[in-house]
Amino acid sequence: MQGTLDLLILKTISLEPKHGWAIAKRIQQVSGQILQVQQGSLYPALHRLEQQGWIRAKWAESETGREAKFYALTAAGRKQLEHETAHWKRLSGAINLIVEEA
């Protein structure tokens, strides 16, 4: 659904900065291997979130010793995460009502 990837990214980096591959891997792990974010979707979303001021990027050494761009939430990003989470809860609750209707 539109906007779902933004929510997943913001939530994933809300605890600590992560590089792109680690973001995709974390989403996959937490979802029990159900959600797989492709690079063709992830990196444009990261760029868009950075342009909106919700995340910031910084080059640093990754766990493999290679340079990678790490993404962290900004203060505006924390507010957006709260907004996106509330919207998701309303939307998923409404969909659930329809799906579970007898």
PDB file of N, CA and C in Angstrom:
ATOM      1  N   MET A   1       0.831  -1.183   0.000  1.00  0.00           N
ATOM      2  CA  MET A   1       0.000   0.000   0.000  1.00  0.00           C
ATOM      3  C   MET A   1       0.874   1.244   0.000  1.00  0.00           C
ATOM      4  N   GLN A   2       0.359   2.295  -0.595  1.00  0.00           N
ATOM      5  CA  GLN A   2       1.087   3.558  -0.671  1.00  0.00           C
ATOM      6  C   GLN A   2       1.473   4.042   0.721  1.00  0.00           C
ATOM      7  N   GLY A   3       2.724   4.401   0.908  1.00  0.00           N
ATOM      8  CA  GLY A   3       3.182   4.915   2.184  1.00  0.00           C
ATOM      9  C   GLY A   3       3.644   3.858   3.170  1.00  0.00           C
ATOM     10  N   THR A   4       3.332   2.608   2.926  1.00  0.00           N
ATOM     11  CA  THR A   4       3.710   1.540   3.858  1.00  0.00           C
ATOM     12  C   THR A   4       5.225   1.400   3.949  1.00  0.00           C
ATOM     13  N   LEU A   5       5.910   1.504   2.828  1.00  0.00           N
ATOM     14  CA  LEU A   5       7.364   1.375   2.839  1.00  0.00           C
ATOM     15  C   LEU A   5       7.993   2.487   3.676  1.00  0.00           C
ATOM     16  N   ASP A   6       7.469   3.699   3.565  1.00  0.00           N
ATOM     17  CA  ASP A   6       7.988   4.806   4.380  1.00  0.00           C
ATOM     18  C   ASP A   6       7.871   4.473   5.862  1.00  0.00           C
ATOM     19  N   LEU A   7       6.720   3.976   6.263  1.00  0.00           N
ATOM     20  CA  LEU A   7       6.496   3.606   7.668  1.00  0.00           C
ATOM     21  C   LEU A   7       7.492   2.536   8.101  1.00  0.00           C
ATOM     22  N   LEU A   8       7.685   1.513   7.279  1.00  0.00           N
ATOM     23  CA  LEU A   8       8.604   0.425   7.620  1.00  0.00           C
ATOM     24  C   LEU A   8      10.040   0.928   7.770  1.00  0.00           C
ATOM     25  N   ILE A   9      10.451   1.810   6.881  1.00  0.00           N
ATOM     26  CA  ILE A   9      11.808   2.361   6.943  1.00  0.00           C
ATOM     27  C   ILE A   9      11.976   3.213   8.200  1.00  0.00           C
ATOM     28  N   LEU A  10      11.026   4.127   8.424  1.00  0.00           N
ATOM     29  CA  LEU A  10      11.120   5.005   9.591  1.00  0.00           C
ATOM     30  C   LEU A  10      11.158   4.195  10.882  1.00  0.00           C
ATOM     31  N   LYS A  11      10.323   3.181  10.974  1.00  0.00           N
ATOM     32  CA  LYS A  11      10.288   2.343  12.169  1.00  0.00           C
ATOM     33  C   LYS A  11      11.598   1.574  12.333  1.00  0.00           C
ATOM     34  N   THR A  12      12.124   1.067  11.254  1.00  0.00           N
ATOM     35  CA  THR A  12      13.341   0.260  11.304  1.00  0.00           C
ATOM     36  C   THR A  12      14.546   1.063  11.785  1.00  0.00           C
ATOM     37  N   ILE A  13      14.641   2.320  11.395  1.00  0.00           N
ATOM     38  CA  ILE A  13      15.798   3.117  11.821  1.00  0.00           C
ATOM     39  C   ILE A  13      15.500   3.956  13.064  1.00  0.00           C
ATOM     40  N   SER A  14      14.333   3.751  13.668  1.00  0.00           N
ATOM     41  CA  SER A  14      13.977   4.553  14.842  1.00  0.00           C
ATOM     42  C   SER A  14      14.836   4.208  16.062  1.00  0.00           C
ATOM     43  N   LEU A  15      15.366   3.009  16.127  1.00  0.00           N
ATOM     44  CA  LEU A  15      16.190   2.608  17.265  1.00  0.00           C
ATOM     45  C   LEU A  15      17.662   2.939  17.073  1.00  0.00           C
ATOM     46  N   GLU A  16      18.152   2.767  15.845  1.00  0.00           N
ATOM     47  CA  GLU A  16      19.548   3.061  15.551  1.00  0.00           C
ATOM     48  C   GLU A  16      19.733   3.239  14.048  1.00  0.00           C
ATOM     49  N   PRO A  17      20.731   4.025  13.654  1.00  0.00           N
ATOM     50  CA  PRO A  17      21.003   4.202  12.219  1.00  0.00           C
ATOM     51  C   PRO A  17      21.371   2.874  11.565  1.00  0.00           C
ATOM     52  N   LYS A  18      20.953   2.727  10.329  1.00  0.00           N
ATOM     53  CA  LYS A  18      21.265   1.512   9.569  1.00  0.00           C
ATOM     54  C   LYS A  18      21.543   1.894   8.117  1.00  0.00           C
ATOM     55  N   HIS A  19      22.341   1.077   7.446  1.00  0.00           N
ATOM     56  CA  HIS A  19      22.559   1.280   6.010  1.00  0.00           C
ATOM     57  C   HIS A  19      21.464   0.547   5.239  1.00  0.00           C
ATOM     58  N   GLY A  20      21.359   0.847   3.972  1.00  0.00           N
ATOM     59  CA  GLY A  20      20.261   0.329   3.153  1.00  0.00           C
ATOM     60  C   GLY A  20      20.067  -1.174   3.222  1.00  0.00           C
ATOM     61  N   TRP A  21      21.147  -1.924   3.023  1.00  0.00           N
ATOM     62  CA  TRP A  21      21.029  -3.387   3.044  1.00  0.00           C
ATOM     63  C   TRP A  21      20.522  -3.867   4.403  1.00  0.00           C
ATOM     64  N   ALA A  22      21.009  -3.249   5.487  1.00  0.00           N
ATOM     65  CA  ALA A  22      20.590  -3.651   6.838  1.00  0.00           C
ATOM     66  C   ALA A  22      19.118  -3.311   7.081  1.00  0.00           C
ATOM     67  N   ILE A  23      18.645  -2.221   6.500  1.00  0.00           N
ATOM     68  CA  ILE A  23      17.228  -1.863   6.625  1.00  0.00           C
ATOM     69  C   ILE A  23      16.370  -2.940   5.969  1.00  0.00           C
ATOM     70  N   ALA A  24      16.714  -3.297   4.741  1.00  0.00           N
ATOM     71  CA  ALA A  24      15.958  -4.322   4.012  1.00  0.00           C
ATOM     72  C   ALA A  24      16.001  -5.655   4.754  1.00  0.00           C
ATOM     73  N   LYS A  25      17.174  -6.017   5.260  1.00  0.00           N
ATOM     74  CA  LYS A  25      17.344  -7.287   5.968  1.00  0.00           C
ATOM     75  C   LYS A  25      16.518  -7.302   7.258  1.00  0.00           C
ATOM     76  N   ARG A  26      16.508  -6.194   7.987  1.00  0.00           N
ATOM     77  CA  ARG A  26      15.759  -6.111   9.250  1.00  0.00           C
ATOM     78  C   ARG A  26      14.256  -6.239   8.992  1.00  0.00           C
ATOM     79  N   ILE A  27      13.756  -5.571   7.970  1.00  0.00           N
ATOM     80  CA  ILE A  27      12.333  -5.672   7.627  1.00  0.00           C
ATOM     81  C   ILE A  27      11.984  -7.120   7.301  1.00  0.00           C
ATOM     82  N   GLN A  28      12.853  -7.772   6.551  1.00  0.00           N
ATOM     83  CA  GLN A  28      12.631  -9.173   6.191  1.00  0.00           C
ATOM     84  C   GLN A  28      12.637 -10.057   7.439  1.00  0.00           C
ATOM     85  N   GLN A  29      13.590  -9.854   8.325  1.00  0.00           N
ATOM     86  CA  GLN A  29      13.703 -10.675   9.535  1.00  0.00           C
ATOM     87  C   GLN A  29      12.499 -10.485  10.452  1.00  0.00           C
ATOM     88  N   VAL A  30      12.155  -9.231  10.739  1.00  0.00           N
ATOM     89  CA  VAL A  30      11.071  -8.954  11.680  1.00  0.00           C
ATOM     90  C   VAL A  30       9.733  -9.444  11.133  1.00  0.00           C
ATOM     91  N   SER A  31       9.568  -9.420   9.811  1.00  0.00           N
ATOM     92  CA  SER A  31       8.306  -9.866   9.213  1.00  0.00           C
ATOM     93  C   SER A  31       8.246 -11.380   9.044  1.00  0.00           C
ATOM     94  N   GLY A  32       9.223 -12.087   9.552  1.00  0.00           N
ATOM     95  CA  GLY A  32       9.232 -13.546   9.407  1.00  0.00           C
ATOM     96  C   GLY A  32       9.452 -13.976   7.965  1.00  0.00           C
ATOM     97  N   GLN A  33      10.270 -13.236   7.250  1.00  0.00           N
ATOM     98  CA  GLN A  33      10.628 -13.506   5.856  1.00  0.00           C
ATOM     99  C   GLN A  33       9.480 -13.237   4.874  1.00  0.00           C
ATOM    100  N   ILE A  34       8.418 -12.611   5.330  1.00  0.00           N
ATOM    101  CA  ILE A  34       7.264 -12.363   4.458  1.00  0.00           C
ATOM    102  C   ILE A  34       7.478 -11.119   3.596  1.00  0.00           C
ATOM    103  N   LEU A  35       8.010 -10.060   4.199  1.00  0.00           N
ATOM    104  CA  LEU A  35       8.231  -8.821   3.457  1.00  0.00           C
ATOM    105  C   LEU A  35       9.668  -8.758   2.963  1.00  0.00           C
ATOM    106  N   GLN A  36       9.824  -8.527   1.679  1.00  0.00           N
ATOM    107  CA  GLN A  36      11.148  -8.372   1.089  1.00  0.00           C
ATOM    108  C   GLN A  36      11.161  -7.077   0.294  1.00  0.00           C
ATOM    109  N   VAL A  37      12.005  -6.155   0.721  1.00  0.00           N
ATOM    110  CA  VAL A  37      12.093  -4.858   0.071  1.00  0.00           C
ATOM    111  C   VAL A  37      13.203  -4.910  -0.972  1.00  0.00           C
ATOM    112  N   GLN A  38      12.846  -4.642  -2.206  1.00  0.00           N
ATOM    113  CA  GLN A  38      13.813  -4.657  -3.301  1.00  0.00           C
ATOM    114  C   GLN A  38      14.581  -3.340  -3.342  1.00  0.00           C
ATOM    115  N   GLN A  39      15.829  -3.402  -3.796  1.00  0.00           N
ATOM    116  CA  GLN A  39      16.660  -2.205  -3.883  1.00  0.00           C
ATOM    117  C   GLN A  39      16.016  -1.129  -4.749  1.00  0.00           C
ATOM    118  N   GLY A  40      15.320  -1.555  -5.797  1.00  0.00           N
ATOM    119  CA  GLY A  40      14.667  -0.612  -6.701  1.00  0.00           C
ATOM    120  C   GLY A  40      13.547   0.179  -6.041  1.00  0.00           C
ATOM    121  N   SER A  41      13.049  -0.306  -4.923  1.00  0.00           N
ATOM    122  CA  SER A  41      12.040   0.421  -4.145  1.00  0.00           C
ATOM    123  C   SER A  41      12.674   1.121  -2.953  1.00  0.00           C
ATOM    124  N   LEU A  42      13.643   0.457  -2.314  1.00  0.00           N
ATOM    125  CA  LEU A  42      14.233   0.966  -1.082  1.00  0.00           C
ATOM    126  C   LEU A  42      14.990   2.275  -1.286  1.00  0.00           C
ATOM    127  N   TYR A  43      15.910   2.303  -2.241  1.00  0.00           N
ATOM    128  CA  TYR A  43      16.774   3.472  -2.370  1.00  0.00           C
ATOM    129  C   TYR A  43      16.038   4.727  -2.846  1.00  0.00           C
ATOM    130  N   PRO A  44      15.081   4.618  -3.763  1.00  0.00           N
ATOM    131  CA  PRO A  44      14.289   5.816  -4.071  1.00  0.00           C
ATOM    132  C   PRO A  44      13.497   6.312  -2.855  1.00  0.00           C
ATOM    133  N   ALA A  45      12.991   5.387  -2.029  1.00  0.00           N
ATOM    134  CA  ALA A  45      12.254   5.772  -0.820  1.00  0.00           C
ATOM    135  C   ALA A  45      13.191   6.462   0.172  1.00  0.00           C
ATOM    136  N   LEU A  46      14.386   5.932   0.358  1.00  0.00           N
ATOM    137  CA  LEU A  46      15.358   6.563   1.251  1.00  0.00           C
ATOM    138  C   LEU A  46      15.703   7.967   0.774  1.00  0.00           C
ATOM    139  N   HIS A  47      15.891   8.115  -0.519  1.00  0.00           N
ATOM    140  CA  HIS A  47      16.199   9.430  -1.095  1.00  0.00           C
ATOM    141  C   HIS A  47      15.042  10.406  -0.858  1.00  0.00           C
ATOM    142  N   ARG A  48      13.832   9.946  -1.077  1.00  0.00           N
ATOM    143  CA  ARG A  48      12.643  10.784  -0.874  1.00  0.00           C
ATOM    144  C   ARG A  48      12.504  11.198   0.595  1.00  0.00           C
ATOM    145  N   LEU A  49      12.700  10.245   1.512  1.00  0.00           N
ATOM    146  CA  LEU A  49      12.607  10.548   2.946  1.00  0.00           C
ATOM    147  C   LEU A  49      13.689  11.538   3.369  1.00  0.00           C
ATOM    148  N   GLU A  50      14.864  11.416   2.763  1.00  0.00           N
ATOM    149  CA  GLU A  50      15.945  12.347   3.070  1.00  0.00           C
ATOM    150  C   GLU A  50      15.602  13.748   2.548  1.00  0.00           C
ATOM    151  N   GLN A  51      15.050  13.826   1.361  1.00  0.00           N
ATOM    152  CA  GLN A  51      14.651  15.122   0.793  1.00  0.00           C
ATOM    153  C   GLN A  51      13.574  15.797   1.642  1.00  0.00           C
ATOM    154  N   GLN A  52      12.718  15.001   2.251  1.00  0.00           N
ATOM    155  CA  GLN A  52      11.646  15.547   3.082  1.00  0.00           C
ATOM    156  C   GLN A  52      12.138  15.934   4.480  1.00  0.00           C
ATOM    157  N   GLY A  53      13.381  15.592   4.779  1.00  0.00           N
ATOM    158  CA  GLY A  53      13.949  15.957   6.069  1.00  0.00           C
ATOM    159  C   GLY A  53      13.601  15.009   7.198  1.00  0.00           C
ATOM    160  N   TRP A  54      13.072  13.838   6.867  1.00  0.00           N
ATOM    161  CA  TRP A  54      12.675  12.872   7.885  1.00  0.00           C
ATOM    162  C   TRP A  54      13.817  11.952   8.295  1.00  0.00           C
ATOM    163  N   ILE A  55      14.795  11.815   7.416  1.00  0.00           N
ATOM    164  CA  ILE A  55      15.990  11.039   7.738  1.00  0.00           C
ATOM    165  C   ILE A  55      17.205  11.828   7.282  1.00  0.00           C
ATOM    166  N   ARG A  56      18.365  11.483   7.855  1.00  0.00           N
ATOM    167  CA  ARG A  56      19.618  12.076   7.388  1.00  0.00           C
ATOM    168  C   ARG A  56      20.583  10.922   7.108  1.00  0.00           C
ATOM    169  N   ALA A  57      21.482  11.158   6.185  1.00  0.00           N
ATOM    170  CA  ALA A  57      22.432  10.124   5.787  1.00  0.00           C
ATOM    171  C   ALA A  57      23.853  10.555   6.139  1.00  0.00           C
ATOM    172  N   LYS A  58      24.657   9.574   6.515  1.00  0.00           N
ATOM    173  CA  LYS A  58      26.054   9.835   6.863  1.00  0.00           C
ATOM    174  C   LYS A  58      26.881   8.624   6.450  1.00  0.00           C
ATOM    175  N   TRP A  59      27.975   8.869   5.774  1.00  0.00           N
ATOM    176  CA  TRP A  59      28.864   7.784   5.392  1.00  0.00           C
ATOM    177  C   TRP A  59      29.658   7.311   6.608  1.00  0.00           C
ATOM    178  N   ALA A  60      29.727   5.997   6.779  1.00  0.00           N
ATOM    179  CA  ALA A  60      30.481   5.401   7.881  1.00  0.00           C
ATOM    180  C   ALA A  60      30.875   3.979   7.483  1.00  0.00           C
ATOM    181  N   GLU A  61      31.731   3.389   8.281  1.00  0.00           N
ATOM    182  CA  GLU A  61      32.178   2.023   8.018  1.00  0.00           C
ATOM    183  C   GLU A  61      31.122   1.033   8.500  1.00  0.00           C
ATOM    184  N   SER A  62      30.789   0.081   7.655  1.00  0.00           N
ATOM    185  CA  SER A  62      29.802  -0.935   8.018  1.00  0.00           C
ATOM    186  C   SER A  62      30.473  -2.076   8.764  1.00  0.00           C
ATOM    187  N   GLU A  63      29.669  -3.041   9.182  1.00  0.00           N
ATOM    188  CA  GLU A  63      30.193  -4.196   9.914  1.00  0.00           C
ATOM    189  C   GLU A  63      31.151  -5.036   9.079  1.00  0.00           C
ATOM    190  N   THR A  64      31.098  -4.880   7.755  1.00  0.00           N
ATOM    191  CA  THR A  64      32.003  -5.631   6.877  1.00  0.00           C
ATOM    192  C   THR A  64      33.297  -4.869   6.612  1.00  0.00           C
ATOM    193  N   GLY A  65      33.380  -3.634   7.161  1.00  0.00           N
ATOM    194  CA  GLY A  65      34.570  -2.828   6.952  1.00  0.00           C
ATOM    195  C   GLY A  65      34.493  -1.938   5.725  1.00  0.00           C
ATOM    196  N   ARG A  66      33.413  -2.018   5.006  1.00  0.00           N
ATOM    197  CA  ARG A  66      33.225  -1.191   3.808  1.00  0.00           C
ATOM    198  C   ARG A  66      32.465   0.076   4.169  1.00  0.00           C
ATOM    199  N   GLU A  67      32.686   1.125   3.389  1.00  0.00           N
ATOM    200  CA  GLU A  67      31.951   2.373   3.585  1.00  0.00           C
ATOM    201  C   GLU A  67      30.511   2.190   3.115  1.00  0.00           C
ATOM    202  N   ALA A  68      29.583   2.686   3.912  1.00  0.00           N
ATOM    203  CA  ALA A  68      28.166   2.600   3.565  1.00  0.00           C
ATOM    204  C   ALA A  68      27.474   3.855   4.072  1.00  0.00           C
ATOM    205  N   LYS A  69      26.371   4.187   3.441  1.00  0.00           N
ATOM    206  CA  LYS A  69      25.574   5.332   3.861  1.00  0.00           C
ATOM    207  C   LYS A  69      24.587   4.859   4.924  1.00  0.00           C
ATOM    208  N   PHE A  70      24.720   5.413   6.130  1.00  0.00           N
ATOM    209  CA  PHE A  70      23.840   5.060   7.236  1.00  0.00           C
ATOM    210  C   PHE A  70      22.738   6.103   7.347  1.00  0.00           C
ATOM    211  N   TYR A  71      21.529   5.643   7.560  1.00  0.00           N
ATOM    212  CA  TYR A  71      20.369   6.519   7.646  1.00  0.00           C
ATOM    213  C   TYR A  71      19.857   6.558   9.078  1.00  0.00           C
ATOM    214  N   ALA A  72      19.567   7.777   9.558  1.00  0.00           N
ATOM    215  CA  ALA A  72      19.066   7.981  10.918  1.00  0.00           C
ATOM    216  C   ALA A  72      17.835   8.873  10.860  1.00  0.00           C
ATOM    217  N   LEU A  73      16.968   8.703  11.840  1.00  0.00           N
ATOM    218  CA  LEU A  73      15.757   9.508  11.955  1.00  0.00           C
ATOM    219  C   LEU A  73      16.097  10.910  12.465  1.00  0.00           C
ATOM    220  N   THR A  74      15.444  11.920  11.924  1.00  0.00           N
ATOM    221  CA  THR A  74      15.556  13.287  12.432  1.00  0.00           C
ATOM    222  C   THR A  74      14.388  13.523  13.385  1.00  0.00           C
ATOM    223  N   ALA A  75      14.377  14.676  14.039  1.00  0.00           N
ATOM    224  CA  ALA A  75      13.247  15.024  14.917  1.00  0.00           C
ATOM    225  C   ALA A  75      11.951  15.061  14.103  1.00  0.00           C
ATOM    226  N   ALA A  76      12.025  15.627  12.912  1.00  0.00           N
ATOM    227  CA  ALA A  76      10.842  15.661  12.038  1.00  0.00           C
ATOM    228  C   ALA A  76      10.438  14.245  11.640  1.00  0.00           C
ATOM    229  N   GLY A  77      11.415  13.375  11.475  1.00  0.00           N
ATOM    230  CA  GLY A  77      11.149  11.981  11.141  1.00  0.00           C
ATOM    231  C   GLY A  77      10.434  11.250  12.272  1.00  0.00           C
ATOM    232  N   ARG A  78      10.783  11.566  13.509  1.00  0.00           N
ATOM    233  CA  ARG A  78      10.095  10.954  14.665  1.00  0.00           C
ATOM    234  C   ARG A  78       8.626  11.365  14.680  1.00  0.00           C
ATOM    235  N   LYS A  79       8.369  12.642  14.396  1.00  0.00           N
ATOM    236  CA  LYS A  79       6.978  13.105  14.335  1.00  0.00           C
ATOM    237  C   LYS A  79       6.238  12.415  13.199  1.00  0.00           C
ATOM    238  N   GLN A  80       6.902  12.288  12.064  1.00  0.00           N
ATOM    239  CA  GLN A  80       6.274  11.624  10.918  1.00  0.00           C
ATOM    240  C   GLN A  80       6.009  10.152  11.226  1.00  0.00           C
ATOM    241  N   LEU A  81       6.922   9.503  11.926  1.00  0.00           N
ATOM    242  CA  LEU A  81       6.722   8.107  12.317  1.00  0.00           C
ATOM    243  C   LEU A  81       5.478   7.969  13.186  1.00  0.00           C
ATOM    244  N   GLU A  82       5.296   8.876  14.132  1.00  0.00           N
ATOM    245  CA  GLU A  82       4.092   8.854  14.973  1.00  0.00           C
ATOM    246  C   GLU A  82       2.838   9.022  14.120  1.00  0.00           C
ATOM    247  N   HIS A  83       2.892   9.964  13.182  1.00  0.00           N
ATOM    248  CA  HIS A  83       1.758  10.214  12.286  1.00  0.00           C
ATOM    249  C   HIS A  83       1.461   8.983  11.422  1.00  0.00           C
ATOM    250  N   GLU A  84       2.508   8.430  10.811  1.00  0.00           N
ATOM    251  CA  GLU A  84       2.346   7.260   9.937  1.00  0.00           C
ATOM    252  C   GLU A  84       1.820   6.052  10.720  1.00  0.00           C
ATOM    253  N   THR A  85       2.302   5.865  11.946  1.00  0.00           N
ATOM    254  CA  THR A  85       1.859   4.748  12.771  1.00  0.00           C
ATOM    255  C   THR A  85       0.386   4.883  13.112  1.00  0.00           C
ATOM    256  N   ALA A  86      -0.042   6.077  13.496  1.00  0.00           N
ATOM    257  CA  ALA A  86      -1.455   6.308  13.821  1.00  0.00           C
ATOM    258  C   ALA A  86      -2.324   6.075  12.590  1.00  0.00           C
ATOM    259  N   HIS A  87      -1.865   6.565  11.440  1.00  0.00           N
ATOM    260  CA  HIS A  87      -2.619   6.366  10.192  1.00  0.00           C
ATOM    261  C   HIS A  87      -2.714   4.875   9.861  1.00  0.00           C
ATOM    262  N   TRP A  88      -1.616   4.144  10.005  1.00  0.00           N
ATOM    263  CA  TRP A  88      -1.608   2.705   9.716  1.00  0.00           C
ATOM    264  C   TRP A  88      -2.588   1.965  10.624  1.00  0.00           C
ATOM    265  N   LYS A  89      -2.614   2.319  11.903  1.00  0.00           N
ATOM    266  CA  LYS A  89      -3.518   1.648  12.841  1.00  0.00           C
ATOM    267  C   LYS A  89      -4.978   1.887  12.459  1.00  0.00           C
ATOM    268  N   ARG A  90      -5.294   3.126  12.075  1.00  0.00           N
ATOM    269  CA  ARG A  90      -6.671   3.417  11.641  1.00  0.00           C
ATOM    270  C   ARG A  90      -7.022   2.640  10.374  1.00  0.00           C
ATOM    271  N   LEU A  91      -6.122   2.689   9.401  1.00  0.00           N
ATOM    272  CA  LEU A  91      -6.373   2.037   8.117  1.00  0.00           C
ATOM    273  C   LEU A  91      -6.466   0.521   8.261  1.00  0.00           C
ATOM    274  N   SER A  92      -5.517  -0.086   8.957  1.00  0.00           N
ATOM    275  CA  SER A  92      -5.528  -1.545   9.094  1.00  0.00           C
ATOM    276  C   SER A  92      -6.718  -2.000   9.934  1.00  0.00           C
ATOM    277  N   GLY A  93      -7.112  -1.189  10.929  1.00  0.00           N
ATOM    278  CA  GLY A  93      -8.301  -1.511  11.726  1.00  0.00           C
ATOM    279  C   GLY A  93      -9.555  -1.510  10.869  1.00  0.00           C
ATOM    280  N   ALA A  94      -9.674  -0.518   9.991  1.00  0.00           N
ATOM    281  CA  ALA A  94     -10.839  -0.435   9.102  1.00  0.00           C
ATOM    282  C   ALA A  94     -10.876  -1.604   8.121  1.00  0.00           C
ATOM    283  N   ILE A  95      -9.714  -1.925   7.564  1.00  0.00           N
ATOM    284  CA  ILE A  95      -9.646  -3.071   6.631  1.00  0.00           C
ATOM    285  C   ILE A  95      -9.986  -4.349   7.354  1.00  0.00           C
ATOM    286  N   ASN A  96      -9.499  -4.511   8.571  1.00  0.00           N
ATOM    287  CA  ASN A  96      -9.764  -5.703   9.349  1.00  0.00           C
ATOM    288  C   ASN A  96     -11.266  -5.853   9.623  1.00  0.00           C
ATOM    289  N   LEU A  97     -11.938  -4.739   9.897  1.00  0.00           N
ATOM    290  CA  LEU A  97     -13.386  -4.791  10.112  1.00  0.00           C
ATOM    291  C   LEU A  97     -14.100  -5.364   8.883  1.00  0.00           C
ATOM    292  N   ILE A  98     -13.661  -4.953   7.723  1.00  0.00           N
ATOM    293  CA  ILE A  98     -14.288  -5.434   6.475  1.00  0.00           C
ATOM    294  C   ILE A  98     -13.951  -6.910   6.241  1.00  0.00           C
ATOM    295  N   VAL A  99     -12.702  -7.273   6.422  1.00  0.00           N
ATOM    296  CA  VAL A  99     -12.266  -8.649   6.176  1.00  0.00           C
ATOM    297  C   VAL A  99     -12.908  -9.615   7.143  1.00  0.00           C
ATOM    298  N   GLU A 100     -13.065  -9.210   8.398  1.00  0.00           N
ATOM    299  CA  GLU A 100     -13.603 -10.085   9.437  1.00  0.00           C
ATOM    300  C   GLU A 100     -15.136 -10.064   9.510  1.00  0.00           C
ATOM    301  N   GLU A 101     -15.779  -9.244   8.682  1.00  0.00           N
ATOM    302  CA  GLU A 101     -17.234  -9.147   8.727  1.00  0.00           C
ATOM    303  C   GLU A 101     -17.854 -10.515   8.407  1.00  0.00           C
ATOM    304  N   ALA A 102     -18.829 -10.871   9.202  1.00  0.00           N
ATOM    305  CA  ALA A 102     -19.478 -12.183   9.056  1.00  0.00           C
ATOM    306  C   ALA A 102     -20.432 -12.222   7.891  1.00  0.00           C
TER     307      ALA A 102
END
